[in-house]
Amino acid sequence: MKKIEKGSIKQLVFQVLTIAIAGMVLWPLFDLIVCKVFTHTEFVYSVSEHITEPIIFGCIIGTVFWALDKKGKKK
């Protein structure tokens, strides 16, 4: 298997996808825990909150991490 080079576009895509998928799994779980344990409210799954927001978050954070890696590689 080929290694993914730091600062490459492949690394950017991989980071964005990994963070977005992890967010889509972890965010609803944390929200469920908060609803059941702390606020004692009913958990309601919504597409905008539990799918769209983690994808946006993954794009932003993945791009920031990629830019920092690329900048660190140049030095």
N, C-alpha and C. Protein backbone atom coordinates (compact mmCIF):
# COMPACT_ATOMS: atom_id res chain seq x y z
N MET A 1 0.85 -1.18 0.00
CA MET A 1 0.00 0.00 0.00
C MET A 1 0.89 1.24 0.00
N LYS A 2 0.54 2.19 -0.83
CA LYS A 2 1.31 3.43 -0.92
C LYS A 2 1.06 4.32 0.28
N LYS A 3 2.12 4.98 0.72
CA LYS A 3 1.96 5.92 1.82
C LYS A 3 1.39 7.23 1.28
N ILE A 4 0.60 7.89 2.12
CA ILE A 4 0.06 9.20 1.76
C ILE A 4 1.03 10.26 2.25
N GLU A 5 1.51 11.09 1.34
CA GLU A 5 2.49 12.12 1.69
C GLU A 5 1.83 13.26 2.43
N LYS A 6 2.56 13.81 3.39
CA LYS A 6 2.05 14.97 4.12
C LYS A 6 1.92 16.15 3.16
N GLY A 7 0.83 16.87 3.30
CA GLY A 7 0.60 18.05 2.47
C GLY A 7 0.00 17.75 1.11
N SER A 8 -0.28 16.48 0.81
CA SER A 8 -0.85 16.16 -0.50
C SER A 8 -2.37 16.28 -0.46
N ILE A 9 -2.95 16.32 -1.62
CA ILE A 9 -4.41 16.41 -1.74
C ILE A 9 -5.05 15.13 -1.21
N LYS A 10 -4.39 14.00 -1.38
CA LYS A 10 -4.91 12.74 -0.85
C LYS A 10 -5.03 12.81 0.67
N GLN A 11 -4.05 13.43 1.32
CA GLN A 11 -4.12 13.57 2.77
C GLN A 11 -5.28 14.46 3.16
N LEU A 12 -5.51 15.54 2.42
CA LEU A 12 -6.62 16.44 2.70
C LEU A 12 -7.95 15.69 2.61
N VAL A 13 -8.15 14.95 1.54
CA VAL A 13 -9.40 14.21 1.35
C VAL A 13 -9.57 13.16 2.45
N PHE A 14 -8.49 12.45 2.77
CA PHE A 14 -8.54 11.44 3.81
C PHE A 14 -8.89 12.04 5.17
N GLN A 15 -8.27 13.16 5.52
CA GLN A 15 -8.55 13.81 6.80
C GLN A 15 -9.99 14.31 6.86
N VAL A 16 -10.46 14.93 5.81
CA VAL A 16 -11.83 15.46 5.80
C VAL A 16 -12.83 14.32 5.95
N LEU A 17 -12.64 13.24 5.20
CA LEU A 17 -13.56 12.11 5.28
C LEU A 17 -13.51 11.43 6.65
N THR A 18 -12.31 11.25 7.19
CA THR A 18 -12.17 10.60 8.48
C THR A 18 -12.83 11.41 9.59
N ILE A 19 -12.58 12.69 9.62
CA ILE A 19 -13.16 13.55 10.66
C ILE A 19 -14.67 13.65 10.50
N ALA A 20 -15.16 13.74 9.27
CA ALA A 20 -16.60 13.83 9.04
C ALA A 20 -17.31 12.54 9.46
N ILE A 21 -16.75 11.40 9.12
CA ILE A 21 -17.37 10.12 9.49
C ILE A 21 -17.33 9.92 11.00
N ALA A 22 -16.20 10.24 11.61
CA ALA A 22 -16.10 10.13 13.07
C ALA A 22 -17.10 11.06 13.74
N GLY A 23 -17.27 12.25 13.18
CA GLY A 23 -18.24 13.19 13.73
C GLY A 23 -19.67 12.70 13.60
N MET A 24 -19.99 12.05 12.47
CA MET A 24 -21.35 11.54 12.28
C MET A 24 -21.65 10.37 13.21
N VAL A 25 -20.62 9.69 13.69
CA VAL A 25 -20.82 8.58 14.63
C VAL A 25 -20.81 9.09 16.07
N LEU A 26 -19.84 9.92 16.40
CA LEU A 26 -19.65 10.33 17.79
C LEU A 26 -20.62 11.42 18.25
N TRP A 27 -20.94 12.38 17.39
CA TRP A 27 -21.81 13.48 17.81
C TRP A 27 -23.19 13.02 18.28
N PRO A 28 -23.87 12.14 17.54
CA PRO A 28 -25.16 11.65 18.06
C PRO A 28 -25.02 10.87 19.37
N LEU A 29 -23.93 10.13 19.53
CA LEU A 29 -23.73 9.40 20.78
C LEU A 29 -23.56 10.35 21.96
N PHE A 30 -22.75 11.38 21.78
CA PHE A 30 -22.57 12.37 22.85
C PHE A 30 -23.87 13.12 23.12
N ASP A 31 -24.61 13.43 22.06
CA ASP A 31 -25.89 14.12 22.23
C ASP A 31 -26.88 13.23 22.99
N LEU A 32 -26.89 11.94 22.68
CA LEU A 32 -27.76 11.00 23.37
C LEU A 32 -27.41 10.93 24.86
N ILE A 33 -26.13 10.88 25.17
CA ILE A 33 -25.69 10.83 26.57
C ILE A 33 -26.10 12.09 27.30
N VAL A 34 -25.91 13.25 26.68
CA VAL A 34 -26.29 14.51 27.32
C VAL A 34 -27.79 14.56 27.55
N CYS A 35 -28.56 14.13 26.57
CA CYS A 35 -30.03 14.16 26.71
C CYS A 35 -30.51 13.23 27.81
N LYS A 36 -29.97 12.04 27.88
CA LYS A 36 -30.45 11.05 28.84
C LYS A 36 -29.91 11.28 30.25
N VAL A 37 -28.64 11.66 30.38
CA VAL A 37 -28.01 11.73 31.70
C VAL A 37 -28.14 13.12 32.33
N PHE A 38 -27.88 14.15 31.57
CA PHE A 38 -27.80 15.48 32.16
C PHE A 38 -29.10 16.28 32.08
N THR A 39 -29.69 16.36 30.89
CA THR A 39 -30.88 17.21 30.73
C THR A 39 -32.19 16.45 30.89
N HIS A 40 -32.16 15.13 30.84
CA HIS A 40 -33.35 14.29 30.98
C HIS A 40 -34.44 14.67 29.97
N THR A 41 -34.01 14.94 28.74
CA THR A 41 -34.94 15.24 27.66
C THR A 41 -34.91 14.09 26.65
N GLU A 42 -35.86 14.11 25.73
CA GLU A 42 -35.94 13.08 24.71
C GLU A 42 -34.91 13.37 23.62
N PHE A 43 -34.21 12.34 23.19
CA PHE A 43 -33.23 12.47 22.11
C PHE A 43 -33.96 12.43 20.77
N VAL A 44 -33.73 13.43 19.94
CA VAL A 44 -34.33 13.50 18.62
C VAL A 44 -33.21 13.61 17.59
N TYR A 45 -33.15 12.64 16.70
CA TYR A 45 -32.14 12.62 15.65
C TYR A 45 -32.59 13.50 14.50
N SER A 46 -31.75 14.45 14.11
CA SER A 46 -32.09 15.32 12.98
C SER A 46 -30.96 15.30 11.96
N VAL A 47 -31.32 15.37 10.71
CA VAL A 47 -30.34 15.31 9.63
C VAL A 47 -29.42 16.53 9.68
N SER A 48 -29.97 17.69 9.89
CA SER A 48 -29.14 18.90 9.88
C SER A 48 -28.14 18.92 11.03
N GLU A 49 -28.56 18.46 12.19
CA GLU A 49 -27.67 18.53 13.35
C GLU A 49 -26.70 17.35 13.42
N HIS A 50 -27.10 16.18 13.01
CA HIS A 50 -26.28 15.00 13.20
C HIS A 50 -25.58 14.51 11.94
N ILE A 51 -25.86 15.09 10.79
CA ILE A 51 -25.17 14.71 9.56
C ILE A 51 -24.49 15.92 8.92
N THR A 52 -25.25 16.99 8.71
CA THR A 52 -24.71 18.15 8.02
C THR A 52 -23.63 18.86 8.83
N GLU A 53 -23.87 19.09 10.10
CA GLU A 53 -22.88 19.79 10.94
C GLU A 53 -21.56 19.03 11.06
N PRO A 54 -21.56 17.70 11.26
CA PRO A 54 -20.26 17.00 11.28
C PRO A 54 -19.52 17.04 9.94
N ILE A 55 -20.25 17.06 8.83
CA ILE A 55 -19.59 17.15 7.52
C ILE A 55 -18.93 18.52 7.37
N ILE A 56 -19.64 19.58 7.75
CA ILE A 56 -19.06 20.92 7.68
C ILE A 56 -17.86 21.03 8.62
N PHE A 57 -18.01 20.52 9.84
CA PHE A 57 -16.92 20.52 10.81
C PHE A 57 -15.72 19.75 10.27
N GLY A 58 -15.96 18.59 9.65
CA GLY A 58 -14.88 17.78 9.09
C GLY A 58 -14.15 18.51 7.97
N CYS A 59 -14.89 19.22 7.13
CA CYS A 59 -14.25 19.99 6.05
C CYS A 59 -13.36 21.10 6.61
N ILE A 60 -13.85 21.81 7.59
CA ILE A 60 -13.10 22.93 8.15
C ILE A 60 -11.87 22.43 8.91
N ILE A 61 -12.06 21.51 9.84
CA ILE A 61 -10.96 21.03 10.66
C ILE A 61 -9.95 20.23 9.82
N GLY A 62 -10.42 19.42 8.90
CA GLY A 62 -9.52 18.68 8.02
C GLY A 62 -8.65 19.61 7.19
N THR A 63 -9.22 20.69 6.68
CA THR A 63 -8.46 21.66 5.91
C THR A 63 -7.44 22.39 6.78
N VAL A 64 -7.84 22.74 7.99
CA VAL A 64 -6.90 23.42 8.91
C VAL A 64 -5.73 22.50 9.24
N PHE A 65 -6.01 21.24 9.60
CA PHE A 65 -4.93 20.30 9.92
C PHE A 65 -4.02 20.08 8.71
N TRP A 66 -4.61 19.98 7.52
CA TRP A 66 -3.83 19.79 6.30
C TRP A 66 -2.93 20.99 6.04
N ALA A 67 -3.47 22.19 6.22
CA ALA A 67 -2.67 23.40 6.00
C ALA A 67 -1.52 23.49 7.00
N LEU A 68 -1.78 23.11 8.25
CA LEU A 68 -0.72 23.13 9.25
C LEU A 68 0.36 22.09 8.92
N ASP A 69 -0.05 20.91 8.46
CA ASP A 69 0.94 19.89 8.06
C ASP A 69 1.75 20.37 6.87
N LYS A 70 1.08 20.98 5.91
CA LYS A 70 1.77 21.47 4.71
C LYS A 70 2.76 22.57 5.08
N LYS A 71 2.35 23.45 5.96
CA LYS A 71 3.23 24.53 6.40
C LYS A 71 4.42 23.98 7.18
N GLY A 72 4.18 22.98 8.01
CA GLY A 72 5.25 22.36 8.78
C GLY A 72 6.23 21.59 7.89
N LYS A 73 5.76 21.06 6.78
CA LYS A 73 6.63 20.32 5.86
C LYS A 73 7.59 21.25 5.14
N LYS A 74 7.16 22.49 4.86
CA LYS A 74 8.01 23.45 4.15
C LYS A 74 9.17 23.91 5.00
N LYS A 75 9.00 23.95 6.31
CA LYS A 75 10.07 24.45 7.19
C LYS A 75 11.13 23.43 7.44
